[in-house]
Amino acid sequence: MPKVYLLDYVAGNVRSLVNAIEKVGYTVQWIKSPEDIEKADSLILPGVGHFGHCMSQFSSAGYLPAIRKHIESGKPFMAICVGLQVLFEGSSEDPSVPGLGIIKGTLDQFDDTSKSVPHIGWNSANTAGKRVYGLRPSSKYYYVHSYKVPYREGELESQGWSVATARYGDEEFVGAVARGNILATQFHPEKSGVAGLRVLKAFLDGTKESADHGQLAVKEGLTRRVIACLDVRTNDQGDLVVTKGDQYDVREKADGGDVRNLGKPVEMARKYYEQGADEITFLNITSFRDCPLADLPMLEILRRTSETVFVPLTIGGGIRDTTDTDGTKVSALEIAKMYFKSGADKVSIGSDAVTAAEEYYRQGKQLFGNTAIEQISGAYGNQAVVVSVDPKRVYISKPTETKHNTIQTKYPGPNGEQSCWYACTVKGGRETRDMDVVELATAVQAMGCGEILLNCIDKDGTNSGFDLELIDQVKNAVSIPVIASSGAGNPGHFEEVFSKTRTDAALGAGMFHRGEYTVKDVKDFLGEKGLMVRQFESSL
């Protein structure tokens, strides 16, 4: 098979990019030195994370002259996400560091006063009147970034660039640019399902432009994200299974019994991908604490899943500073790096985030840089870090009874209480801490978390719908995206949470695992209600 050269500068999940390239009929040759770039016919520059860090990595390794020479030679060159950003003159993310300046213009940050930042999810890449490198106005592509190139009509076109645009709130920005031998995408084609594979194939095949076949552009903007979550653990026979329970109890009976086995993780993830899931989340609910880190069962699950599932994968459980069975100390950053190399796009941190937040407040809201959240977001960007929050209601007669952030609830407590606060828990909900959900959410945002997975112990396994009051309280406290979780029992619950709260995504588990509804059922229902969703594309 023909080769494409790939420059990996420790920029997050490149495993999925390799899998996507192989899926469309090419093999990958790794760039290990500037001299290797001279051998490259086609070169791809992937990336996530910080603009300044990216440029310093290139500069310190001596790659910048070789990259410029490759581009100037006219040989095919593709840049992804922060790879696109470094082609510009600079970014407000790090004003002291210049970009390559191949494209005139600079980046600025999204306005977070009216919408969540980072911009995470599926959005458009609309070209004007022609199809560039397989981009279709009817398709949606996966974006994850906080900084963007503002689109000003004619500005880039006057430099000879073909431009694809997207819109987030009232801000229109550049989704992709192409000129001559260069294609650069702000979105991640390797995470954009069949639509993204089509773009990769067109670039590698050299198919720069084609007719649009009269396809009409769909409404621009971020779609409603529907996420399928798989709780994974070993059962009593030692097999990895997907399980689900009520209030976090995964046994068949309250007094014990076998671990509930709902299927095999890799097969179920592929099924949900083909039903149209926008993301897949694996929660490793036992963390495989007795396994050597080099042989984590979840690593194999991620490797196998990422070979056929081309949407973002999140993994949670066991991501913390730890000690391997041979006595070797291993940092949370090193564990996250293993997950990223195996195919994960994000890591989810649970109980350790509560411990870190407690220390943050004890020290007067001071950051120390050594928490798992800070380590990982510092290296890979905040979009790579999710914090999974497990709160439960504590009812009180009146708000003055507690120091915590309270709400007036429409659902009175067992003694008619009209107020409550949400206490954070650790260890899978088994232990309650003296910290409320607002305190935790604001602390982890300050540490560098890019997204909150908001569970609710009271709602888990009830199939009664999401806790809208909890979601409202957290959304009002933070500017980062929030994923609603716990309680989904039918498609109407998804419509309710998207219509009545400002949640950025919604997650389902048991209703999908038991086969009561499919992801497609949910999306079809949302579409019928006028909400914008991404539909699964089955062929290139």
Protein backbone atom coordinates (compact mmCIF):
# COMPACT_ATOMS: atom_id res chain seq x y z
CA MET A 1 0.00 0.00 0.00
CA PRO A 2 1.20 3.58 -0.63
CA LYS A 3 2.81 5.37 2.32
CA VAL A 4 1.98 8.61 4.06
CA TYR A 5 4.43 10.15 6.50
CA LEU A 6 3.19 11.21 9.92
CA LEU A 7 4.93 13.58 12.34
CA ASP A 8 4.11 12.65 15.95
CA TYR A 9 5.28 15.20 18.51
CA VAL A 10 3.37 13.69 21.47
CA ALA A 11 0.17 15.43 20.46
CA GLY A 12 -2.57 13.27 21.93
CA ASN A 13 -4.29 10.40 20.20
CA VAL A 14 -2.48 9.62 16.95
CA ARG A 15 -3.47 5.95 17.07
CA SER A 16 -6.89 6.77 15.62
CA LEU A 17 -5.29 8.78 12.83
CA VAL A 18 -3.11 5.81 11.94
CA ASN A 19 -6.17 3.54 11.96
CA ALA A 20 -8.09 5.98 9.75
CA ILE A 21 -5.23 6.25 7.26
CA GLU A 22 -4.99 2.47 7.06
CA LYS A 23 -8.77 2.22 6.71
CA VAL A 24 -8.66 4.25 3.46
CA GLY A 25 -5.86 2.14 1.99
CA TYR A 26 -2.54 3.69 3.02
CA THR A 27 0.25 2.78 5.40
CA VAL A 28 1.97 5.08 7.88
CA GLN A 29 5.66 5.85 8.04
CA TRP A 30 6.72 7.68 11.21
CA ILE A 31 8.85 10.80 11.03
CA LYS A 32 11.60 10.47 13.65
CA SER A 33 13.98 13.23 12.56
CA PRO A 34 13.94 16.34 10.32
CA GLU A 35 15.86 14.33 7.73
CA ASP A 36 12.95 11.89 7.43
CA ILE A 37 10.71 14.69 6.14
CA GLU A 38 12.82 14.91 2.99
CA LYS A 39 11.78 11.32 2.17
CA ALA A 40 8.07 12.08 2.53
CA ASP A 41 5.84 12.24 -0.51
CA SER A 42 2.72 13.04 1.54
CA LEU A 43 3.12 14.53 5.04
CA ILE A 44 0.46 14.87 7.75
CA LEU A 45 0.89 17.07 10.82
CA PRO A 46 -1.66 16.10 13.53
CA GLY A 47 -2.15 17.73 16.87
CA VAL A 48 -4.08 18.80 19.90
CA GLY A 49 -3.14 21.12 22.71
CA HIS A 50 -1.39 24.42 23.17
CA PHE A 51 -0.24 26.59 20.25
CA GLY A 52 2.98 27.73 21.96
CA HIS A 53 3.86 24.24 23.17
CA CYS A 54 3.36 22.86 19.68
CA MET A 55 5.60 25.48 18.06
CA SER A 56 8.30 25.03 20.71
CA GLN A 57 8.25 21.26 20.14
CA PHE A 58 8.78 21.76 16.42
CA SER A 59 11.47 24.37 16.96
CA SER A 60 13.49 22.50 19.60
CA ALA A 61 13.49 19.32 17.49
CA GLY A 62 14.61 21.22 14.39
CA TYR A 63 11.48 20.43 12.36
CA LEU A 64 10.46 23.92 11.24
CA PRO A 65 12.88 24.33 8.29
CA ALA A 66 12.07 20.82 7.05
CA ILE A 67 8.31 21.43 7.25
CA ARG A 68 8.65 24.70 5.34
CA LYS A 69 10.79 23.03 2.69
CA HIS A 70 8.26 20.22 2.25
CA ILE A 71 5.40 22.70 1.80
CA GLU A 72 7.38 24.88 -0.61
CA SER A 73 8.33 21.83 -2.68
CA GLY A 74 4.68 21.38 -3.67
CA LYS A 75 4.38 17.90 -2.17
CA PRO A 76 1.04 17.07 -0.45
CA PHE A 77 0.81 18.45 3.08
CA MET A 78 -2.07 18.11 5.55
CA ALA A 79 -2.40 19.72 8.99
CA ILE A 80 -5.02 18.85 11.61
CA CYS A 81 -6.40 20.95 14.50
CA VAL A 82 -3.46 22.79 16.12
CA GLY A 83 -1.58 21.78 12.97
CA LEU A 84 -3.85 24.18 11.08
CA GLN A 85 -3.35 26.87 13.70
CA VAL A 86 0.46 26.91 13.45
CA LEU A 87 0.21 27.70 9.72
CA PHE A 88 -1.05 31.17 10.68
CA GLU A 89 1.02 34.11 11.92
CA GLY A 90 0.15 33.74 15.58
CA SER A 91 -2.43 33.06 18.28
CA SER A 92 -3.66 34.90 21.35
CA GLU A 93 -3.14 31.59 23.18
CA ASP A 94 0.57 32.47 23.25
CA PRO A 95 1.20 35.92 21.70
CA SER A 96 4.96 35.70 22.28
CA VAL A 97 5.32 32.72 19.93
CA PRO A 98 5.05 33.31 16.16
CA GLY A 99 3.42 30.78 13.88
CA LEU A 100 4.78 29.65 10.54
CA GLY A 101 3.09 32.57 8.78
CA ILE A 102 2.21 30.54 5.69
CA ILE A 103 -1.31 31.96 6.00
CA LYS A 104 -1.86 35.60 6.94
CA GLY A 105 -4.06 35.99 9.99
CA THR A 106 -4.16 35.23 13.72
CA LEU A 107 -6.29 33.20 16.10
CA ASP A 108 -8.31 34.36 19.08
CA GLN A 109 -10.35 32.59 21.75
CA PHE A 110 -14.05 31.85 21.51
CA ASP A 111 -16.26 34.11 23.60
CA ASP A 112 -17.25 32.09 26.67
CA THR A 113 -19.81 34.53 28.06
CA SER A 114 -22.66 33.08 26.02
CA LYS A 115 -21.48 29.55 25.22
CA SER A 116 -19.26 26.77 26.48
CA VAL A 117 -15.54 26.78 25.71
CA PRO A 118 -13.84 24.61 24.48
CA HIS A 119 -16.01 24.23 21.38
CA ILE A 120 -16.54 20.46 21.46
CA GLY A 121 -18.73 18.48 19.12
CA TRP A 122 -19.98 18.03 15.58
CA ASN A 123 -20.21 21.07 13.35
CA SER A 124 -20.16 22.03 9.69
CA ALA A 125 -17.37 22.62 7.18
CA ASN A 126 -19.25 24.38 4.41
CA THR A 127 -17.54 25.36 1.16
CA ALA A 128 -19.04 27.80 -1.31
CA GLY A 129 -20.33 26.04 -4.40
CA LYS A 130 -17.72 23.30 -4.75
CA ARG A 131 -16.62 20.21 -2.90
CA VAL A 132 -13.02 20.55 -1.68
CA TYR A 133 -11.17 17.35 -0.67
CA GLY A 134 -14.41 15.47 -0.11
CA LEU A 135 -15.98 18.06 2.21
CA ARG A 136 -19.77 17.96 1.99
CA PRO A 137 -22.10 20.70 3.18
CA SER A 138 -24.52 18.05 4.42
CA SER A 139 -21.91 16.37 6.65
CA LYS A 140 -20.83 17.14 10.18
CA TYR A 141 -17.26 16.95 11.50
CA TYR A 142 -15.80 16.62 14.98
CA TYR A 143 -14.20 19.75 16.47
CA VAL A 144 -12.48 20.25 19.82
CA HIS A 145 -10.73 23.60 20.35
CA SER A 146 -10.82 26.87 22.28
CA TYR A 147 -9.05 29.09 19.74
CA LYS A 148 -10.21 29.75 16.22
CA VAL A 149 -9.49 31.70 13.04
CA PRO A 150 -12.37 34.20 12.70
CA TYR A 151 -13.88 34.07 9.22
CA ARG A 152 -14.01 37.41 7.39
CA GLU A 153 -15.40 37.12 3.89
CA GLY A 154 -12.74 37.46 1.20
CA GLU A 155 -9.78 37.74 3.57
CA LEU A 156 -8.38 34.26 3.01
CA GLU A 157 -9.84 33.89 -0.45
CA SER A 158 -7.77 36.90 -1.57
CA GLN A 159 -4.68 34.88 -0.61
CA GLY A 160 -5.80 32.08 -2.90
CA TRP A 161 -7.32 29.81 -0.26
CA SER A 162 -10.50 27.79 -0.58
CA VAL A 163 -12.28 28.06 2.77
CA ALA A 164 -14.78 25.89 4.63
CA THR A 165 -16.60 27.58 7.49
CA ALA A 166 -18.53 26.66 10.62
CA ARG A 167 -20.52 28.65 13.13
CA TYR A 168 -20.57 28.49 16.92
CA GLY A 169 -23.17 30.76 18.45
CA ASP A 170 -22.79 34.10 16.67
CA GLU A 171 -19.14 33.46 15.73
CA GLU A 172 -18.25 32.21 12.25
CA PHE A 173 -14.84 30.60 12.02
CA VAL A 174 -12.58 28.68 9.65
CA GLY A 175 -13.20 24.91 9.60
CA ALA A 176 -10.73 24.08 6.83
CA VAL A 177 -8.53 25.74 4.20
CA ALA A 178 -6.98 24.40 1.00
CA ARG A 179 -4.58 25.81 -1.56
CA GLY A 180 -2.33 24.01 -4.00
CA ASN A 181 -0.69 21.12 -2.16
CA ILE A 182 -2.02 22.12 1.31
CA LEU A 183 -5.12 20.97 3.18
CA ALA A 184 -5.61 22.06 6.79
CA THR A 185 -8.60 21.19 8.97
CA GLN A 186 -9.59 22.60 12.33
CA PHE A 187 -11.72 19.50 12.85
CA HIS A 188 -10.37 15.97 13.35
CA PRO A 189 -11.11 13.87 10.24
CA GLU A 190 -9.99 10.70 12.03
CA LYS A 191 -12.73 11.29 14.63
CA SER A 192 -15.42 12.42 12.19
CA GLY A 193 -16.78 9.04 11.14
CA VAL A 194 -17.24 8.29 7.44
CA ALA A 195 -17.34 12.01 6.63
CA GLY A 196 -13.82 12.39 7.98
CA LEU A 197 -12.52 9.25 6.30
CA ARG A 198 -13.79 10.69 3.03
CA VAL A 199 -11.68 13.82 3.55
CA LEU A 200 -8.56 11.80 4.39
CA LYS A 201 -9.01 9.59 1.34
CA ALA A 202 -9.54 12.56 -0.96
CA PHE A 203 -6.35 14.20 0.32
CA LEU A 204 -4.26 11.05 -0.01
CA ASP A 205 -5.72 10.24 -3.43
CA GLY A 206 -5.11 13.81 -4.58
CA THR A 207 -8.80 14.49 -5.31
CA LYS A 208 -8.78 18.22 -4.59
CA GLU A 209 -12.12 19.29 -5.99
CA SER A 210 -15.28 17.69 -7.29
CA ALA A 211 -18.85 18.65 -8.03
CA ASP A 212 -21.19 18.97 -5.07
CA HIS A 213 -23.92 16.98 -6.85
CA GLY A 214 -26.48 19.55 -5.80
CA GLN A 215 -26.23 18.73 -2.09
CA LEU A 216 -27.85 21.35 0.08
CA ALA A 217 -26.06 22.72 3.10
CA VAL A 218 -27.62 21.78 6.42
CA LYS A 219 -28.11 24.33 9.16
CA GLU A 220 -24.79 25.46 10.54
CA GLY A 221 -23.96 25.08 14.19
CA LEU A 222 -23.17 22.52 16.83
CA THR A 223 -25.35 19.42 16.84
CA ARG A 224 -26.82 17.85 19.96
CA ARG A 225 -24.30 15.27 21.11
CA VAL A 226 -25.62 11.83 22.09
CA ILE A 227 -23.03 9.74 23.92
CA ALA A 228 -23.13 6.01 24.63
CA CYS A 229 -21.47 5.00 27.90
CA LEU A 230 -20.16 1.53 28.71
CA ASP A 231 -19.34 0.61 32.31
CA VAL A 232 -16.64 -2.04 32.01
CA ARG A 233 -15.39 -4.37 34.71
CA THR A 234 -14.22 -7.92 35.27
CA ASN A 235 -16.95 -10.33 36.31
CA ASP A 236 -16.48 -13.15 38.80
CA GLN A 237 -15.08 -15.37 36.07
CA GLY A 238 -12.40 -12.82 35.16
CA ASP A 239 -13.97 -11.75 31.85
CA LEU A 240 -14.31 -8.12 30.79
CA VAL A 241 -18.00 -7.25 30.46
CA VAL A 242 -20.24 -4.24 30.04
CA THR A 243 -22.45 -3.93 33.08
CA LYS A 244 -25.03 -1.56 34.54
CA GLY A 245 -26.93 -1.36 37.78
CA ASP A 246 -29.17 0.75 39.97
CA GLN A 247 -27.43 3.32 42.20
CA TYR A 248 -24.10 1.84 41.07
CA ASP A 249 -24.90 -1.74 42.20
CA VAL A 250 -23.99 -4.05 39.31
CA ARG A 251 -24.96 -7.35 40.95
CA GLU A 252 -27.99 -9.23 39.71
CA LYS A 253 -29.53 -9.21 43.19
CA ALA A 254 -29.34 -6.77 46.06
CA ASP A 255 -27.89 -9.48 48.32
CA GLY A 256 -25.23 -10.51 45.82
CA GLY A 257 -25.29 -12.69 42.76
CA ASP A 258 -23.28 -12.53 39.55
CA VAL A 259 -22.09 -9.30 38.02
CA ARG A 260 -24.65 -8.23 35.42
CA ASN A 261 -23.24 -9.04 31.97
CA LEU A 262 -24.74 -6.98 29.16
CA GLY A 263 -22.19 -7.70 26.46
CA LYS A 264 -18.62 -7.40 25.22
CA PRO A 265 -17.14 -3.89 25.23
CA VAL A 266 -15.54 -3.80 21.77
CA GLU A 267 -18.57 -5.29 20.00
CA MET A 268 -21.00 -2.99 21.78
CA ALA A 269 -18.93 0.12 21.05
CA ARG A 270 -18.92 -0.76 17.35
CA LYS A 271 -22.70 -1.27 17.43
CA TYR A 272 -23.30 2.14 18.99
CA TYR A 273 -20.94 3.79 16.49
CA GLU A 274 -22.96 2.31 13.64
CA GLN A 275 -26.18 3.53 15.27
CA GLY A 276 -24.79 7.07 15.16
CA ALA A 277 -23.32 7.67 18.64
CA ASP A 278 -21.35 10.91 18.62
CA GLU A 279 -18.90 9.64 21.23
CA ILE A 280 -18.19 6.45 23.16
CA THR A 281 -17.23 6.55 26.82
CA PHE A 282 -15.67 3.60 28.64
CA LEU A 283 -15.79 3.78 32.43
CA ASN A 284 -13.45 1.24 33.98
CA ILE A 285 -15.41 0.83 37.21
CA THR A 286 -12.92 -1.45 38.93
CA SER A 287 -9.73 0.20 37.57
CA PHE A 288 -8.06 -3.25 37.41
CA ARG A 289 -6.04 -2.24 40.41
CA ASP A 290 -4.12 -5.53 40.62
CA CYS A 291 -2.91 -5.54 37.01
CA PRO A 292 0.53 -4.38 35.87
CA LEU A 293 0.20 -1.04 34.15
CA ALA A 294 1.90 -2.34 31.02
CA ASP A 295 -0.88 -4.89 30.60
CA LEU A 296 -4.02 -2.94 31.41
CA PRO A 297 -7.01 -4.77 29.90
CA MET A 298 -8.52 -1.42 28.92
CA LEU A 299 -5.55 -0.69 26.67
CA GLU A 300 -6.47 -3.64 24.49
CA ILE A 301 -10.13 -2.61 24.44
CA LEU A 302 -9.13 0.86 23.25
CA ARG A 303 -6.75 -0.51 20.60
CA ARG A 304 -9.38 -2.82 19.15
CA THR A 305 -12.22 -0.30 19.36
CA SER A 306 -10.25 2.49 17.68
CA GLU A 307 -9.61 0.23 14.66
CA THR A 308 -13.27 0.39 13.61
CA VAL A 309 -14.85 3.23 15.62
CA PHE A 310 -14.02 6.67 14.22
CA VAL A 311 -15.63 8.93 16.80
CA PRO A 312 -14.07 10.24 20.04
CA LEU A 313 -13.32 7.70 22.75
CA THR A 314 -13.15 8.62 26.44
CA ILE A 315 -11.71 6.34 29.10
CA GLY A 316 -12.19 6.74 32.84
CA GLY A 317 -10.92 4.83 35.85
CA GLY A 318 -7.50 4.43 37.41
CA ILE A 319 -6.00 7.61 35.97
CA ARG A 320 -3.97 8.80 38.94
CA ASP A 321 -0.47 8.74 40.37
CA THR A 322 0.09 5.14 41.38
CA THR A 323 2.63 2.38 41.94
CA ASP A 324 2.90 -0.60 39.61
CA THR A 325 3.05 -4.16 40.92
CA ASP A 326 6.84 -4.13 40.57
CA GLY A 327 7.14 -1.06 42.80
CA THR A 328 7.65 1.46 40.00
CA LYS A 329 6.03 4.83 40.64
CA VAL A 330 3.91 5.96 37.68
CA SER A 331 2.33 9.39 37.25
CA ALA A 332 -1.20 10.10 36.10
CA LEU A 333 0.32 11.75 33.03
CA GLU A 334 2.16 8.55 32.09
CA ILE A 335 -1.02 6.50 32.49
CA ALA A 336 -2.97 8.98 30.37
CA LYS A 337 -0.24 8.84 27.72
CA MET A 338 -0.68 5.05 27.53
CA TYR A 339 -4.40 5.48 27.01
CA PHE A 340 -3.89 8.13 24.32
CA LYS A 341 -1.39 5.90 22.51
CA SER A 342 -3.94 3.08 22.57
CA GLY A 343 -6.72 5.12 20.98
CA ALA A 344 -8.35 7.31 23.65
CA ASP A 345 -9.06 10.97 22.91
CA LYS A 346 -9.99 12.02 26.43
CA VAL A 347 -9.40 10.68 29.92
CA SER A 348 -11.97 10.96 32.68
CA ILE A 349 -10.92 11.53 36.29
CA GLY A 350 -13.28 10.79 39.17
CA SER A 351 -12.51 10.44 42.86
CA ASP A 352 -9.03 11.94 42.55
CA ALA A 353 -10.60 15.16 41.29
CA VAL A 354 -12.52 15.48 44.57
CA THR A 355 -9.33 14.97 46.59
CA ALA A 356 -7.53 17.55 44.44
CA ALA A 357 -10.37 20.06 44.86
CA GLU A 358 -10.33 19.63 48.65
CA GLU A 359 -6.62 20.46 48.69
CA TYR A 360 -7.23 23.41 46.32
CA TYR A 361 -9.63 24.97 48.82
CA ARG A 362 -7.47 24.12 51.85
CA GLN A 363 -4.64 26.07 50.25
CA GLY A 364 -6.78 29.11 49.54
CA LYS A 365 -7.69 28.29 45.91
CA GLN A 366 -4.05 27.90 44.97
CA LEU A 367 -2.89 25.71 42.06
CA PHE A 368 0.24 23.61 42.49
CA GLY A 369 0.55 22.04 39.05
CA ASN A 370 0.94 18.47 40.27
CA THR A 371 -2.64 17.19 40.22
CA ALA A 372 -3.66 14.69 37.55
CA ILE A 373 -5.88 17.33 35.92
CA GLU A 374 -3.07 19.88 35.74
CA GLN A 375 -0.48 17.36 34.54
CA ILE A 376 -2.59 16.04 31.69
CA SER A 377 -4.19 19.30 30.57
CA GLY A 378 -0.78 20.98 30.64
CA ALA A 379 0.61 18.41 28.21
CA TYR A 380 -2.39 17.65 26.02
CA GLY A 381 -4.75 20.59 26.46
CA ASN A 382 -7.86 20.94 28.65
CA GLN A 383 -10.06 19.33 25.97
CA ALA A 384 -8.33 16.01 26.78
CA VAL A 385 -9.48 16.01 30.43
CA VAL A 386 -12.99 15.16 31.60
CA VAL A 387 -13.96 15.13 35.27
CA SER A 388 -16.66 12.63 36.20
CA VAL A 389 -18.76 13.97 39.08
CA ASP A 390 -20.98 11.75 41.25
CA PRO A 391 -23.21 13.97 43.41
CA LYS A 392 -26.28 13.09 45.44
CA ARG A 393 -29.00 15.20 47.01
CA VAL A 394 -28.91 16.30 50.63
CA TYR A 395 -32.27 17.78 51.67
CA ILE A 396 -32.48 20.63 54.18
CA SER A 397 -35.35 22.63 55.66
CA LYS A 398 -33.84 25.99 54.74
CA PRO A 399 -30.65 27.21 52.98
CA THR A 400 -29.23 28.75 56.17
CA GLU A 401 -28.73 25.24 57.56
CA THR A 402 -25.67 24.69 55.39
CA LYS A 403 -22.63 26.54 54.05
CA HIS A 404 -23.09 24.82 50.70
CA ASN A 405 -24.62 26.03 47.43
CA THR A 406 -28.31 25.17 47.58
CA ILE A 407 -31.29 25.16 45.26
CA GLN A 408 -35.02 25.51 45.74
CA THR A 409 -36.35 22.23 44.39
CA LYS A 410 -39.62 21.30 42.74
CA TYR A 411 -39.25 17.82 44.23
CA PRO A 412 -39.55 17.99 48.04
CA GLY A 413 -37.55 15.68 50.28
CA PRO A 414 -38.92 12.85 52.41
CA ASN A 415 -40.04 15.30 55.13
CA GLY A 416 -41.31 17.93 52.72
CA GLU A 417 -38.00 19.84 52.52
CA GLN A 418 -38.03 22.50 49.80
CA SER A 419 -34.25 23.00 49.61
CA CYS A 420 -31.30 20.76 48.89
CA TRP A 421 -27.63 20.75 47.97
CA TYR A 422 -25.63 18.20 46.01
CA ALA A 423 -22.89 16.45 47.96
CA CYS A 424 -19.95 15.02 46.02
CA THR A 425 -19.03 11.40 46.49
CA VAL A 426 -16.01 9.21 45.84
CA LYS A 427 -15.34 5.49 45.37
CA GLY A 428 -18.30 4.92 43.10
CA GLY A 429 -20.73 6.75 45.34
CA ARG A 430 -19.86 4.75 48.44
CA GLU A 431 -18.36 7.68 50.37
CA THR A 432 -19.79 11.20 50.72
CA ARG A 433 -17.59 14.27 51.11
CA ASP A 434 -18.26 17.71 52.62
CA MET A 435 -18.06 19.41 49.23
CA ASP A 436 -20.89 20.48 46.98
CA VAL A 437 -21.05 20.06 43.23
CA VAL A 438 -20.57 23.77 42.50
CA GLU A 439 -17.40 23.86 44.58
CA LEU A 440 -16.04 20.82 42.76
CA ALA A 441 -17.00 22.03 39.28
CA THR A 442 -15.44 25.47 39.70
CA ALA A 443 -12.27 24.00 41.22
CA VAL A 444 -11.65 21.49 38.43
CA GLN A 445 -12.30 24.14 35.79
CA ALA A 446 -9.60 26.28 37.42
CA MET A 447 -7.22 23.30 37.36
CA GLY A 448 -7.65 22.81 33.61
CA CYS A 449 -10.53 20.37 33.15
CA GLY A 450 -12.17 20.86 29.74
CA GLU A 451 -15.48 19.05 30.27
CA ILE A 452 -17.64 17.75 33.11
CA LEU A 453 -19.44 14.41 33.02
CA LEU A 454 -22.28 15.13 35.42
CA ASN A 455 -23.75 11.99 36.94
CA CYS A 456 -26.44 11.83 39.61
CA ILE A 457 -26.54 8.98 42.10
CA ASP A 458 -30.22 9.63 42.89
CA LYS A 459 -31.14 9.21 39.22
CA ASP A 460 -28.81 6.36 38.27
CA GLY A 461 -30.72 3.33 37.03
CA THR A 462 -34.14 4.91 37.59
CA ASN A 463 -35.00 5.50 33.89
CA SER A 464 -36.94 8.55 35.10
CA GLY A 465 -35.01 11.25 33.22
CA PHE A 466 -32.06 13.50 33.93
CA ASP A 467 -31.85 15.72 37.02
CA LEU A 468 -32.54 19.06 35.31
CA GLU A 469 -32.08 21.07 38.50
CA LEU A 470 -28.60 19.65 39.03
CA ILE A 471 -27.64 20.37 35.42
CA ASP A 472 -28.87 23.96 35.65
CA GLN A 473 -26.90 24.58 38.83
CA VAL A 474 -23.63 23.31 37.35
CA LYS A 475 -24.09 24.98 33.96
CA ASN A 476 -24.62 28.31 35.73
CA ALA A 477 -21.37 27.82 37.66
CA VAL A 478 -18.90 26.96 34.87
CA SER A 479 -18.10 27.95 31.29
CA ILE A 480 -16.77 24.56 30.12
CA PRO A 481 -19.07 21.98 28.48
CA VAL A 482 -21.25 19.73 30.65
CA ILE A 483 -22.43 16.24 29.73
CA ALA A 484 -25.74 15.23 31.34
CA SER A 485 -25.69 11.67 32.68
CA SER A 486 -27.81 9.30 34.80
CA GLY A 487 -31.51 8.60 34.46
CA ALA A 488 -32.14 8.39 30.72
CA GLY A 489 -34.86 5.84 30.02
CA ASN A 490 -36.34 6.86 26.66
CA PRO A 491 -35.74 9.32 23.78
CA GLY A 492 -38.07 11.85 25.38
CA HIS A 493 -35.64 12.30 28.25
CA PHE A 494 -32.96 13.43 25.79
CA GLU A 495 -35.34 15.90 24.18
CA GLU A 496 -36.28 17.20 27.62
CA VAL A 497 -32.71 17.79 28.79
CA PHE A 498 -31.71 19.51 25.55
CA SER A 499 -34.84 21.67 25.47
CA LYS A 500 -35.02 22.63 29.15
CA THR A 501 -31.32 23.02 30.07
CA ARG A 502 -28.18 24.35 28.41
CA THR A 503 -26.42 20.99 28.60
CA ASP A 504 -23.81 20.44 25.89
CA ALA A 505 -24.34 16.68 25.52
CA ALA A 506 -26.38 13.86 27.00
CA LEU A 507 -25.33 10.32 27.80
CA GLY A 508 -27.22 7.06 27.82
CA ALA A 509 -26.25 3.59 29.01
CA GLY A 510 -28.74 1.03 30.30
CA MET A 511 -31.53 1.89 27.86
CA PHE A 512 -29.09 1.18 25.00
CA HIS A 513 -27.49 -1.89 26.56
CA ARG A 514 -30.82 -3.57 27.25
CA GLY A 515 -31.97 -2.95 23.68
CA GLU A 516 -35.01 -0.92 24.72
CA TYR A 517 -33.95 1.92 22.38
CA THR A 518 -31.09 2.50 19.98
CA VAL A 519 -28.95 5.60 19.57
CA LYS A 520 -30.65 6.06 16.21
CA ASP A 521 -34.07 6.01 17.92
CA VAL A 522 -32.94 8.88 20.13
CA LYS A 523 -31.54 10.91 17.24
CA ASP A 524 -34.58 10.34 15.06
CA PHE A 525 -36.80 11.53 17.89
CA LEU A 526 -34.66 14.62 18.48
CA GLY A 527 -34.75 15.41 14.76
CA GLU A 528 -38.53 15.12 14.71
CA LYS A 529 -38.65 17.64 17.56
CA GLY A 530 -36.59 20.12 15.54
CA LEU A 531 -33.26 19.61 17.30
CA MET A 532 -30.16 19.41 15.13
CA VAL A 533 -28.36 16.06 15.25
CA ARG A 534 -25.69 14.33 13.22
CA GLN A 535 -26.86 11.37 11.17
CA PHE A 536 -24.60 8.37 10.65
CA GLU A 537 -23.08 8.07 7.18
CA SER A 538 -22.54 4.47 6.12
CA SER A 539 -20.35 4.76 3.02
CA LEU A 540 -17.57 6.89 1.56
